[in-house]
Amino acid sequence: MTPFVRHLTAAAVLTITILGCTLSEASPSVQAAPLRGEARDAEFTLVIHSPQAIWSAAEEITVQAELSYTGTSQELAIGGAIGGVIAFSVEEVTGDRRMDAIRDAACARYTIGPDRPITSPYIKSGGINPGEPNEAFYREFFDDPLFRLPTGTWRVTAWAALAIGPDCGGRQVDLRAPLLITVQ
């Protein structure tokens, strides 16, 4: 090997090493791996997912849930709240703030099948008790049209509550699928 080829080879190895170090150093800030939580029963699977694990306090958080039917019927009539079969709650893991899902008691008819899941993006739900310590936070949260949270670790839970049959009188199904997100 000539001195020129040795220098060229050494330069190529050094360049690859530098690029490799640069790429590996960048990966911790890219922690955008999709998140997924799941709950199952004999005929249904509820999945909640988010495209990334870490969010900025200034950006809109994206979460979606999907209820799938895994039974043998081609189509199944189910009953659930008029507001939807899927609701969401949010709980601060290291604090005391939580927005629990609220459902109406009325019964609406929905149809689901093995190739016809029910999907829902995150929808805010909950209430505010006047005078509670976190009242200002809750008012700001519900007034903001976007789903944003302050710094911390948060559990977002999709909740599917339904009954087999169109009149809400059949077998009750209650599934809760959580995931943890970090807001910086």
N, C-alpha and C. Protein backbone atom coordinates (compact mmCIF):
# COMPACT_ATOMS: atom_id res chain seq x y z
N MET A 1 0.85 -1.16 0.00
CA MET A 1 0.00 0.00 0.00
C MET A 1 0.90 1.24 0.00
N THR A 2 0.61 2.14 -0.90
CA THR A 2 1.42 3.35 -1.02
C THR A 2 1.06 4.31 0.12
N PRO A 3 1.96 5.25 0.43
CA PRO A 3 1.68 6.24 1.48
C PRO A 3 0.41 7.04 1.18
N PHE A 4 0.16 7.36 -0.10
CA PHE A 4 -1.05 8.12 -0.46
C PHE A 4 -2.30 7.31 -0.13
N VAL A 5 -2.33 6.02 -0.48
CA VAL A 5 -3.49 5.16 -0.21
C VAL A 5 -3.69 5.01 1.29
N ARG A 6 -2.57 4.86 2.06
CA ARG A 6 -2.67 4.77 3.52
C ARG A 6 -3.30 6.03 4.10
N HIS A 7 -2.89 7.20 3.63
CA HIS A 7 -3.45 8.47 4.11
C HIS A 7 -4.92 8.60 3.72
N LEU A 8 -5.24 8.20 2.50
CA LEU A 8 -6.62 8.26 2.03
C LEU A 8 -7.49 7.32 2.86
N THR A 9 -7.00 6.11 3.13
CA THR A 9 -7.74 5.15 3.94
C THR A 9 -7.92 5.69 5.36
N ALA A 10 -6.87 6.23 5.94
CA ALA A 10 -6.95 6.79 7.29
C ALA A 10 -7.95 7.95 7.33
N ALA A 11 -7.96 8.80 6.31
CA ALA A 11 -8.90 9.92 6.25
C ALA A 11 -10.34 9.42 6.15
N ALA A 12 -10.56 8.37 5.37
CA ALA A 12 -11.91 7.80 5.23
C ALA A 12 -12.38 7.21 6.55
N VAL A 13 -11.50 6.48 7.25
CA VAL A 13 -11.86 5.91 8.54
C VAL A 13 -12.15 7.01 9.54
N LEU A 14 -11.34 8.07 9.57
CA LEU A 14 -11.57 9.19 10.47
C LEU A 14 -12.89 9.88 10.16
N THR A 15 -13.22 10.07 8.91
CA THR A 15 -14.48 10.70 8.51
C THR A 15 -15.66 9.85 8.94
N ILE A 16 -15.60 8.56 8.72
CA ILE A 16 -16.69 7.66 9.12
C ILE A 16 -16.85 7.68 10.64
N THR A 17 -15.72 7.68 11.36
CA THR A 17 -15.77 7.70 12.82
C THR A 17 -16.41 8.99 13.31
N ILE A 18 -16.03 10.12 12.74
CA ILE A 18 -16.60 11.41 13.14
C ILE A 18 -18.09 11.44 12.83
N LEU A 19 -18.50 10.99 11.65
CA LEU A 19 -19.92 10.95 11.31
C LEU A 19 -20.68 10.03 12.25
N GLY A 20 -20.10 8.88 12.57
CA GLY A 20 -20.74 7.96 13.49
C GLY A 20 -20.93 8.58 14.86
N CYS A 21 -19.93 9.29 15.35
CA CYS A 21 -20.06 9.96 16.65
C CYS A 21 -21.11 11.05 16.59
N THR A 22 -21.12 11.80 15.52
CA THR A 22 -22.11 12.87 15.38
C THR A 22 -23.51 12.30 15.38
N LEU A 23 -23.75 11.22 14.64
CA LEU A 23 -25.08 10.64 14.58
C LEU A 23 -25.49 10.06 15.92
N SER A 24 -24.56 9.38 16.62
CA SER A 24 -24.94 8.78 17.89
C SER A 24 -25.18 9.85 18.94
N GLU A 25 -24.47 10.97 18.89
CA GLU A 25 -24.71 12.04 19.85
C GLU A 25 -26.06 12.71 19.60
N ALA A 26 -26.54 12.71 18.38
CA ALA A 26 -27.81 13.36 18.06
C ALA A 26 -29.00 12.53 18.50
N SER A 27 -28.84 11.21 18.63
CA SER A 27 -29.99 10.35 18.90
C SER A 27 -30.70 10.59 20.22
N PRO A 28 -30.03 10.93 21.35
CA PRO A 28 -30.79 11.13 22.57
C PRO A 28 -31.84 12.24 22.45
N SER A 29 -31.59 13.28 21.69
CA SER A 29 -32.58 14.34 21.54
C SER A 29 -33.68 13.98 20.56
N VAL A 30 -33.53 12.88 19.86
CA VAL A 30 -34.50 12.47 18.86
C VAL A 30 -35.47 11.43 19.44
N GLN A 31 -35.56 11.28 20.71
CA GLN A 31 -36.36 10.23 21.33
C GLN A 31 -37.82 10.34 20.93
N ALA A 32 -38.06 10.18 19.66
CA ALA A 32 -39.41 10.34 19.12
C ALA A 32 -40.05 9.01 18.81
N ALA A 33 -39.62 7.97 19.50
CA ALA A 33 -40.20 6.65 19.25
C ALA A 33 -41.69 6.68 19.53
N PRO A 34 -42.48 6.08 18.67
CA PRO A 34 -43.92 6.04 18.94
C PRO A 34 -44.22 5.28 20.23
N LEU A 35 -45.23 5.73 20.92
CA LEU A 35 -45.69 5.08 22.14
C LEU A 35 -46.96 4.31 21.85
N ARG A 36 -47.17 3.24 22.61
CA ARG A 36 -48.36 2.42 22.39
C ARG A 36 -48.77 1.80 23.72
N GLY A 37 -50.05 1.86 24.03
CA GLY A 37 -50.61 1.17 25.17
C GLY A 37 -51.77 0.32 24.67
N GLU A 38 -52.09 -0.75 25.38
CA GLU A 38 -53.10 -1.67 24.88
C GLU A 38 -53.87 -2.31 26.04
N ALA A 39 -55.14 -2.59 25.80
CA ALA A 39 -55.99 -3.36 26.73
C ALA A 39 -56.85 -4.28 25.88
N ARG A 40 -57.10 -5.49 26.40
CA ARG A 40 -57.87 -6.50 25.64
C ARG A 40 -58.90 -7.18 26.50
N ASP A 41 -59.93 -7.67 25.84
CA ASP A 41 -60.83 -8.65 26.44
C ASP A 41 -61.04 -9.73 25.39
N ALA A 42 -62.03 -10.59 25.57
CA ALA A 42 -62.23 -11.72 24.67
C ALA A 42 -62.50 -11.31 23.23
N GLU A 43 -63.17 -10.17 23.01
CA GLU A 43 -63.56 -9.78 21.64
C GLU A 43 -63.08 -8.40 21.20
N PHE A 44 -62.46 -7.65 22.08
CA PHE A 44 -62.09 -6.28 21.74
C PHE A 44 -60.66 -5.97 22.16
N THR A 45 -60.02 -5.10 21.39
CA THR A 45 -58.70 -4.58 21.72
C THR A 45 -58.75 -3.06 21.61
N LEU A 46 -58.30 -2.39 22.66
CA LEU A 46 -58.20 -0.94 22.67
C LEU A 46 -56.73 -0.58 22.66
N VAL A 47 -56.32 0.23 21.68
CA VAL A 47 -54.93 0.66 21.55
C VAL A 47 -54.90 2.18 21.59
N ILE A 48 -53.97 2.72 22.36
CA ILE A 48 -53.72 4.17 22.37
C ILE A 48 -52.29 4.35 21.88
N HIS A 49 -52.09 5.36 21.04
CA HIS A 49 -50.74 5.59 20.55
C HIS A 49 -50.48 7.07 20.34
N SER A 50 -49.18 7.39 20.40
CA SER A 50 -48.70 8.75 20.19
C SER A 50 -47.43 8.63 19.35
N PRO A 51 -47.22 9.55 18.42
CA PRO A 51 -46.06 9.42 17.54
C PRO A 51 -44.72 9.66 18.23
N GLN A 52 -44.73 10.22 19.43
CA GLN A 52 -43.47 10.44 20.13
C GLN A 52 -43.68 10.37 21.63
N ALA A 53 -42.58 10.15 22.34
CA ALA A 53 -42.62 9.99 23.79
C ALA A 53 -42.42 11.31 24.52
N ILE A 54 -41.70 12.22 23.91
CA ILE A 54 -41.33 13.48 24.57
C ILE A 54 -41.87 14.64 23.76
N TRP A 55 -42.55 15.56 24.46
CA TRP A 55 -43.15 16.73 23.83
C TRP A 55 -42.64 17.99 24.51
N SER A 56 -42.70 19.08 23.80
CA SER A 56 -42.41 20.39 24.37
C SER A 56 -43.70 20.94 24.98
N ALA A 57 -43.57 21.70 26.05
CA ALA A 57 -44.75 22.30 26.69
C ALA A 57 -45.48 23.25 25.75
N ALA A 58 -44.81 23.73 24.72
CA ALA A 58 -45.44 24.68 23.80
C ALA A 58 -46.17 24.01 22.63
N GLU A 59 -45.91 22.73 22.38
CA GLU A 59 -46.50 22.10 21.20
C GLU A 59 -47.74 21.28 21.52
N GLU A 60 -48.55 21.09 20.48
CA GLU A 60 -49.75 20.27 20.61
C GLU A 60 -49.37 18.80 20.67
N ILE A 61 -49.88 18.10 21.66
CA ILE A 61 -49.63 16.67 21.83
C ILE A 61 -50.64 15.91 20.97
N THR A 62 -50.16 14.90 20.28
CA THR A 62 -51.02 14.10 19.43
C THR A 62 -51.17 12.70 20.02
N VAL A 63 -52.41 12.32 20.28
CA VAL A 63 -52.73 11.00 20.80
C VAL A 63 -53.98 10.52 20.07
N GLN A 64 -54.02 9.23 19.77
CA GLN A 64 -55.19 8.65 19.12
C GLN A 64 -55.45 7.27 19.70
N ALA A 65 -56.71 6.87 19.73
CA ALA A 65 -57.07 5.53 20.21
C ALA A 65 -57.90 4.81 19.15
N GLU A 66 -57.81 3.49 19.18
CA GLU A 66 -58.56 2.66 18.24
C GLU A 66 -59.11 1.45 18.97
N LEU A 67 -60.41 1.24 18.83
CA LEU A 67 -61.08 0.07 19.37
C LEU A 67 -61.33 -0.89 18.23
N SER A 68 -60.78 -2.11 18.34
CA SER A 68 -60.94 -3.13 17.31
C SER A 68 -61.76 -4.28 17.85
N TYR A 69 -62.55 -4.86 16.97
CA TYR A 69 -63.33 -6.04 17.29
C TYR A 69 -62.60 -7.26 16.75
N THR A 70 -62.36 -8.25 17.59
CA THR A 70 -61.62 -9.44 17.18
C THR A 70 -62.48 -10.70 17.20
N GLY A 71 -63.79 -10.52 17.32
CA GLY A 71 -64.71 -11.65 17.37
C GLY A 71 -64.98 -12.23 15.99
N THR A 72 -65.99 -13.10 15.91
CA THR A 72 -66.26 -13.85 14.68
C THR A 72 -67.32 -13.23 13.78
N SER A 73 -68.12 -12.30 14.28
CA SER A 73 -69.16 -11.67 13.45
C SER A 73 -68.54 -10.70 12.46
N GLN A 74 -69.17 -10.56 11.30
CA GLN A 74 -68.70 -9.59 10.32
C GLN A 74 -69.01 -8.16 10.75
N GLU A 75 -70.07 -8.02 11.53
CA GLU A 75 -70.48 -6.70 12.01
C GLU A 75 -71.17 -6.91 13.35
N LEU A 76 -70.93 -6.00 14.27
CA LEU A 76 -71.50 -6.14 15.61
C LEU A 76 -72.07 -4.79 16.03
N ALA A 77 -73.32 -4.80 16.50
CA ALA A 77 -73.94 -3.59 17.05
C ALA A 77 -73.53 -3.47 18.51
N ILE A 78 -73.06 -2.28 18.87
CA ILE A 78 -72.70 -2.02 20.26
C ILE A 78 -73.37 -0.72 20.69
N GLY A 79 -73.53 -0.56 21.96
CA GLY A 79 -74.08 0.68 22.52
C GLY A 79 -73.03 1.36 23.37
N GLY A 80 -73.07 2.67 23.36
CA GLY A 80 -72.12 3.46 24.15
C GLY A 80 -72.63 4.87 24.34
N ALA A 81 -71.85 5.67 25.00
CA ALA A 81 -72.22 7.06 25.27
C ALA A 81 -72.42 7.82 23.95
N ILE A 82 -73.31 8.79 23.97
CA ILE A 82 -73.54 9.61 22.77
C ILE A 82 -72.27 10.34 22.37
N GLY A 83 -71.47 10.72 23.34
CA GLY A 83 -70.22 11.42 23.06
C GLY A 83 -69.16 10.54 22.43
N GLY A 84 -69.39 9.24 22.33
CA GLY A 84 -68.43 8.32 21.71
C GLY A 84 -68.12 7.15 22.61
N VAL A 85 -67.70 6.08 21.99
CA VAL A 85 -67.35 4.86 22.72
C VAL A 85 -66.02 5.05 23.45
N ILE A 86 -65.13 5.89 22.91
CA ILE A 86 -63.80 6.11 23.48
C ILE A 86 -63.74 7.49 24.13
N ALA A 87 -63.22 7.53 25.35
CA ALA A 87 -62.98 8.79 26.06
C ALA A 87 -61.54 8.76 26.58
N PHE A 88 -61.06 9.89 27.04
CA PHE A 88 -59.67 10.00 27.49
C PHE A 88 -59.58 10.67 28.85
N SER A 89 -58.61 10.23 29.63
CA SER A 89 -58.29 10.91 30.89
C SER A 89 -56.79 11.20 30.89
N VAL A 90 -56.40 12.20 31.70
CA VAL A 90 -55.01 12.62 31.79
C VAL A 90 -54.69 12.79 33.27
N GLU A 91 -53.56 12.22 33.69
CA GLU A 91 -53.16 12.29 35.09
C GLU A 91 -51.69 12.65 35.19
N GLU A 92 -51.37 13.62 36.03
CA GLU A 92 -49.99 13.98 36.28
C GLU A 92 -49.38 12.92 37.19
N VAL A 93 -48.34 12.24 36.73
CA VAL A 93 -47.77 11.13 37.48
C VAL A 93 -47.06 11.61 38.74
N THR A 94 -46.39 12.73 38.66
CA THR A 94 -45.62 13.24 39.80
C THR A 94 -46.31 14.40 40.51
N GLY A 95 -47.60 14.54 40.30
CA GLY A 95 -48.33 15.64 40.93
C GLY A 95 -49.76 15.23 41.22
N ASP A 96 -50.62 16.24 41.40
CA ASP A 96 -52.00 15.94 41.80
C ASP A 96 -53.05 16.43 40.79
N ARG A 97 -52.61 16.78 39.59
CA ARG A 97 -53.57 17.25 38.59
C ARG A 97 -54.06 16.08 37.75
N ARG A 98 -55.38 16.03 37.54
CA ARG A 98 -55.95 14.97 36.69
C ARG A 98 -57.25 15.46 36.08
N MET A 99 -57.44 15.05 34.86
CA MET A 99 -58.66 15.35 34.12
C MET A 99 -59.27 14.00 33.76
N ASP A 100 -60.27 13.58 34.54
CA ASP A 100 -60.90 12.28 34.33
C ASP A 100 -61.94 12.38 33.23
N ALA A 101 -62.05 11.31 32.47
CA ALA A 101 -63.04 11.24 31.40
C ALA A 101 -64.44 11.30 32.00
N ILE A 102 -65.29 12.05 31.36
CA ILE A 102 -66.69 12.14 31.75
C ILE A 102 -67.51 11.61 30.58
N ARG A 103 -68.48 10.75 30.89
CA ARG A 103 -69.33 10.15 29.86
C ARG A 103 -70.78 10.47 30.16
N ASP A 104 -71.56 10.65 29.11
CA ASP A 104 -72.99 10.82 29.31
C ASP A 104 -73.63 9.45 29.50
N ALA A 105 -74.80 9.43 30.13
CA ALA A 105 -75.47 8.16 30.43
C ALA A 105 -76.39 7.69 29.31
N ALA A 106 -76.62 8.52 28.33
CA ALA A 106 -77.49 8.14 27.21
C ALA A 106 -76.81 7.06 26.38
N CYS A 107 -77.62 6.28 25.66
CA CYS A 107 -77.09 5.17 24.87
C CYS A 107 -77.23 5.48 23.38
N ALA A 108 -76.11 5.37 22.67
CA ALA A 108 -76.12 5.54 21.22
C ALA A 108 -75.67 4.23 20.59
N ARG A 109 -76.10 4.00 19.36
CA ARG A 109 -75.77 2.77 18.65
C ARG A 109 -74.55 3.02 17.76
N TYR A 110 -73.62 2.07 17.80
CA TYR A 110 -72.43 2.09 16.96
C TYR A 110 -72.29 0.72 16.31
N THR A 111 -71.57 0.67 15.21
CA THR A 111 -71.30 -0.60 14.53
C THR A 111 -69.79 -0.76 14.42
N ILE A 112 -69.34 -1.97 14.70
CA ILE A 112 -67.92 -2.29 14.63
C ILE A 112 -67.78 -3.65 13.96
N GLY A 113 -66.68 -3.88 13.30
CA GLY A 113 -66.42 -5.17 12.66
C GLY A 113 -64.93 -5.42 12.64
N PRO A 114 -64.50 -6.63 12.26
CA PRO A 114 -63.07 -6.94 12.23
C PRO A 114 -62.26 -5.99 11.35
N ASP A 115 -62.87 -5.47 10.29
CA ASP A 115 -62.17 -4.52 9.43
C ASP A 115 -62.78 -3.12 9.52
N ARG A 116 -63.55 -2.86 10.57
CA ARG A 116 -64.18 -1.54 10.79
C ARG A 116 -63.99 -1.10 12.23
N PRO A 117 -62.75 -0.73 12.62
CA PRO A 117 -62.53 -0.29 13.99
C PRO A 117 -63.15 1.08 14.24
N ILE A 118 -63.25 1.44 15.48
CA ILE A 118 -63.69 2.78 15.88
C ILE A 118 -62.45 3.53 16.35
N THR A 119 -62.18 4.68 15.75
CA THR A 119 -61.00 5.46 16.12
C THR A 119 -61.42 6.82 16.66
N SER A 120 -60.56 7.39 17.48
CA SER A 120 -60.82 8.71 18.02
C SER A 120 -59.51 9.41 18.34
N PRO A 121 -59.36 10.65 17.89
CA PRO A 121 -58.22 11.44 18.37
C PRO A 121 -58.51 11.83 19.82
N TYR A 122 -57.49 12.31 20.51
CA TYR A 122 -57.68 12.76 21.88
C TYR A 122 -58.75 13.86 21.91
N ILE A 123 -59.69 13.70 22.84
CA ILE A 123 -60.74 14.71 23.07
C ILE A 123 -60.72 15.04 24.55
N LYS A 124 -60.66 16.32 24.87
CA LYS A 124 -60.64 16.74 26.27
C LYS A 124 -61.96 16.40 26.95
N SER A 125 -61.85 16.00 28.22
CA SER A 125 -63.01 15.67 29.01
C SER A 125 -62.67 15.95 30.47
N GLY A 126 -63.66 16.25 31.25
CA GLY A 126 -63.43 16.49 32.67
C GLY A 126 -64.24 17.67 33.16
N GLY A 127 -64.03 18.03 34.38
CA GLY A 127 -64.78 19.13 34.98
C GLY A 127 -63.90 19.92 35.92
N ILE A 128 -64.44 21.04 36.39
CA ILE A 128 -63.72 21.93 37.29
C ILE A 128 -64.58 22.15 38.53
N ASN A 129 -64.00 21.93 39.69
CA ASN A 129 -64.69 22.24 40.94
C ASN A 129 -64.23 23.62 41.40
N PRO A 130 -65.14 24.59 41.44
CA PRO A 130 -64.75 25.94 41.86
C PRO A 130 -64.08 25.92 43.24
N GLY A 131 -62.99 26.65 43.34
CA GLY A 131 -62.27 26.77 44.60
C GLY A 131 -61.21 25.71 44.84
N GLU A 132 -61.10 24.71 43.99
CA GLU A 132 -60.08 23.69 44.21
C GLU A 132 -58.69 24.28 43.93
N PRO A 133 -57.65 23.70 44.52
CA PRO A 133 -56.31 24.26 44.39
C PRO A 133 -55.82 24.41 42.95
N ASN A 134 -56.21 23.52 42.05
CA ASN A 134 -55.74 23.56 40.66
C ASN A 134 -56.76 24.17 39.70
N GLU A 135 -57.69 24.95 40.21
CA GLU A 135 -58.75 25.51 39.38
C GLU A 135 -58.20 26.32 38.21
N ALA A 136 -57.20 27.16 38.45
CA ALA A 136 -56.64 27.99 37.37
C ALA A 136 -56.02 27.11 36.28
N PHE A 137 -55.31 26.06 36.68
CA PHE A 137 -54.72 25.15 35.70
C PHE A 137 -55.81 24.50 34.85
N TYR A 138 -56.86 23.98 35.50
CA TYR A 138 -57.94 23.31 34.76
C TYR A 138 -58.63 24.26 33.80
N ARG A 139 -58.89 25.47 34.24
CA ARG A 139 -59.53 26.45 33.34
C ARG A 139 -58.65 26.72 32.12
N GLU A 140 -57.36 26.91 32.34
CA GLU A 140 -56.45 27.15 31.22
C GLU A 140 -56.39 25.94 30.29
N PHE A 141 -56.34 24.73 30.87
CA PHE A 141 -56.29 23.50 30.08
C PHE A 141 -57.53 23.38 29.19
N PHE A 142 -58.73 23.55 29.77
CA PHE A 142 -59.96 23.37 28.99
C PHE A 142 -60.23 24.53 28.04
N ASP A 143 -59.71 25.72 28.34
CA ASP A 143 -59.89 26.86 27.43
C ASP A 143 -59.00 26.77 26.20
N ASP A 144 -57.88 26.08 26.31
CA ASP A 144 -56.95 25.94 25.18
C ASP A 144 -57.54 24.93 24.20
N PRO A 145 -57.75 25.30 22.93
CA PRO A 145 -58.31 24.35 21.97
C PRO A 145 -57.35 23.21 21.61
N LEU A 146 -56.06 23.36 21.93
CA LEU A 146 -55.07 22.32 21.63
C LEU A 146 -54.82 21.48 22.88
N PHE A 147 -54.32 20.27 22.68
CA PHE A 147 -53.95 19.40 23.78
C PHE A 147 -52.49 19.66 24.10
N ARG A 148 -52.28 20.49 25.14
CA ARG A 148 -50.93 20.81 25.61
C ARG A 148 -50.89 20.61 27.11
N LEU A 149 -49.72 20.24 27.61
CA LEU A 149 -49.55 20.01 29.03
C LEU A 149 -48.26 20.70 29.49
N PRO A 150 -48.20 21.06 30.78
CA PRO A 150 -46.96 21.65 31.30
C PRO A 150 -45.90 20.56 31.54
N THR A 151 -44.71 20.99 31.85
CA THR A 151 -43.59 20.11 32.10
C THR A 151 -43.94 19.05 33.15
N GLY A 152 -43.54 17.81 32.85
CA GLY A 152 -43.77 16.72 33.78
C GLY A 152 -44.00 15.41 33.05
N THR A 153 -44.33 14.38 33.82
CA THR A 153 -44.68 13.08 33.27
C THR A 153 -46.17 12.89 33.44
N TRP A 154 -46.83 12.51 32.37
CA TRP A 154 -48.29 12.42 32.35
C TRP A 154 -48.74 11.05 31.84
N ARG A 155 -49.78 10.51 32.47
CA ARG A 155 -50.41 9.27 32.00
C ARG A 155 -51.67 9.67 31.24
N VAL A 156 -51.71 9.32 29.97
CA VAL A 156 -52.90 9.55 29.14
C VAL A 156 -53.54 8.19 28.94
N THR A 157 -54.82 8.08 29.28
CA THR A 157 -55.51 6.79 29.21
C THR A 157 -56.71 6.88 28.28
N ALA A 158 -56.78 5.95 27.35
CA ALA A 158 -57.97 5.81 26.51
C ALA A 158 -58.91 4.85 27.24
N TRP A 159 -60.20 5.17 27.24
CA TRP A 159 -61.19 4.37 27.95
C TRP A 159 -62.31 4.03 26.99
N ALA A 160 -62.52 2.76 26.75
CA ALA A 160 -63.64 2.29 25.92
C ALA A 160 -64.65 1.63 26.84
N ALA A 161 -65.85 2.19 26.88
CA ALA A 161 -66.95 1.63 27.68
C ALA A 161 -68.11 1.39 26.74
N LEU A 162 -68.54 0.15 26.64
CA LEU A 162 -69.59 -0.18 25.69
C LEU A 162 -70.36 -1.39 26.17
N ALA A 163 -71.45 -1.67 25.51
CA ALA A 163 -72.25 -2.86 25.77
C ALA A 163 -72.53 -3.55 24.44
N ILE A 164 -72.48 -4.86 24.44
CA ILE A 164 -72.79 -5.62 23.24
C ILE A 164 -74.29 -5.48 22.99
N GLY A 165 -74.65 -5.14 21.78
CA GLY A 165 -76.05 -4.92 21.44
C GLY A 165 -76.33 -3.43 21.32
N PRO A 166 -77.36 -3.07 20.57
CA PRO A 166 -77.62 -1.66 20.27
C PRO A 166 -78.27 -0.87 21.41
N ASP A 167 -78.75 -1.57 22.46
CA ASP A 167 -79.50 -0.85 23.50
C ASP A 167 -78.75 -0.70 24.82
N CYS A 168 -77.47 -0.96 24.85
CA CYS A 168 -76.63 -0.84 26.04
C CYS A 168 -77.02 -1.81 27.15
N GLY A 169 -77.77 -2.85 26.81
CA GLY A 169 -78.22 -3.79 27.83
C GLY A 169 -77.47 -5.10 27.85
N GLY A 170 -76.58 -5.33 26.91
CA GLY A 170 -75.86 -6.61 26.84
C GLY A 170 -74.60 -6.62 27.68
N ARG A 171 -73.72 -7.57 27.35
CA ARG A 171 -72.46 -7.70 28.10
C ARG A 171 -71.70 -6.38 28.08
N GLN A 172 -71.27 -5.95 29.26
CA GLN A 172 -70.54 -4.69 29.40
C GLN A 172 -69.04 -4.92 29.16
N VAL A 173 -68.43 -4.02 28.42
CA VAL A 173 -66.99 -4.06 28.16
C VAL A 173 -66.40 -2.75 28.65
N ASP A 174 -65.36 -2.84 29.45
CA ASP A 174 -64.70 -1.66 30.01
C ASP A 174 -63.20 -1.86 29.86
N LEU A 175 -62.58 -1.16 28.92
CA LEU A 175 -61.15 -1.30 28.65
C LEU A 175 -60.45 0.04 28.87
N ARG A 176 -59.29 0.00 29.49
CA ARG A 176 -58.49 1.20 29.71
C ARG A 176 -57.06 0.92 29.28
N ALA A 177 -56.57 1.71 28.34
CA ALA A 177 -55.21 1.54 27.81
C ALA A 177 -54.41 2.82 28.08
N PRO A 178 -53.40 2.75 28.92
CA PRO A 178 -52.60 3.94 29.26
C PRO A 178 -51.29 4.01 28.49
N LEU A 179 -50.73 5.23 28.44
CA LEU A 179 -49.36 5.44 28.01
C LEU A 179 -48.81 6.63 28.77
N LEU A 180 -47.48 6.66 28.91
CA LEU A 180 -46.82 7.75 29.63
C LEU A 180 -46.11 8.64 28.63
N ILE A 181 -46.32 9.95 28.78
CA ILE A 181 -45.60 10.91 27.94
C ILE A 181 -44.85 11.86 28.86
N THR A 182 -43.77 12.40 28.35
CA THR A 182 -42.96 13.36 29.08
C THR A 182 -43.08 14.70 28.37
N VAL A 183 -43.30 15.75 29.14
CA VAL A 183 -43.35 17.10 28.58
C VAL A 183 -42.19 17.88 29.18
N GLN A 184 -41.39 18.49 28.30
CA GLN A 184 -40.22 19.26 28.72
C GLN A 184 -40.44 20.73 28.51
